[in-house]
């Protein structure tokens, strides 16, 4: 990528226009990502993870558990 926000004059835009532009760019990224086929390696990995979950659903951690662990790791 050759240009940056300053080169394109984007640094001069009002914040509301910058946010609108970010949303538009993000929507474009999501649309492009959805149109890109999944690699066989990623599909295999996802299938493996789904199978692991289905075999051991009790091993799933809630978001609260994950956040508590991350918080404890950061503080400890």
Foldseek 3Di string as FASTA:
>chain_A
DPDDCVNVVVVVDDPVVVVVVVVVVVVVVVVVVVVDDDDPVVVVVVVVVVVVCVVPVVPDDDPVVVVVVVVVVVVD
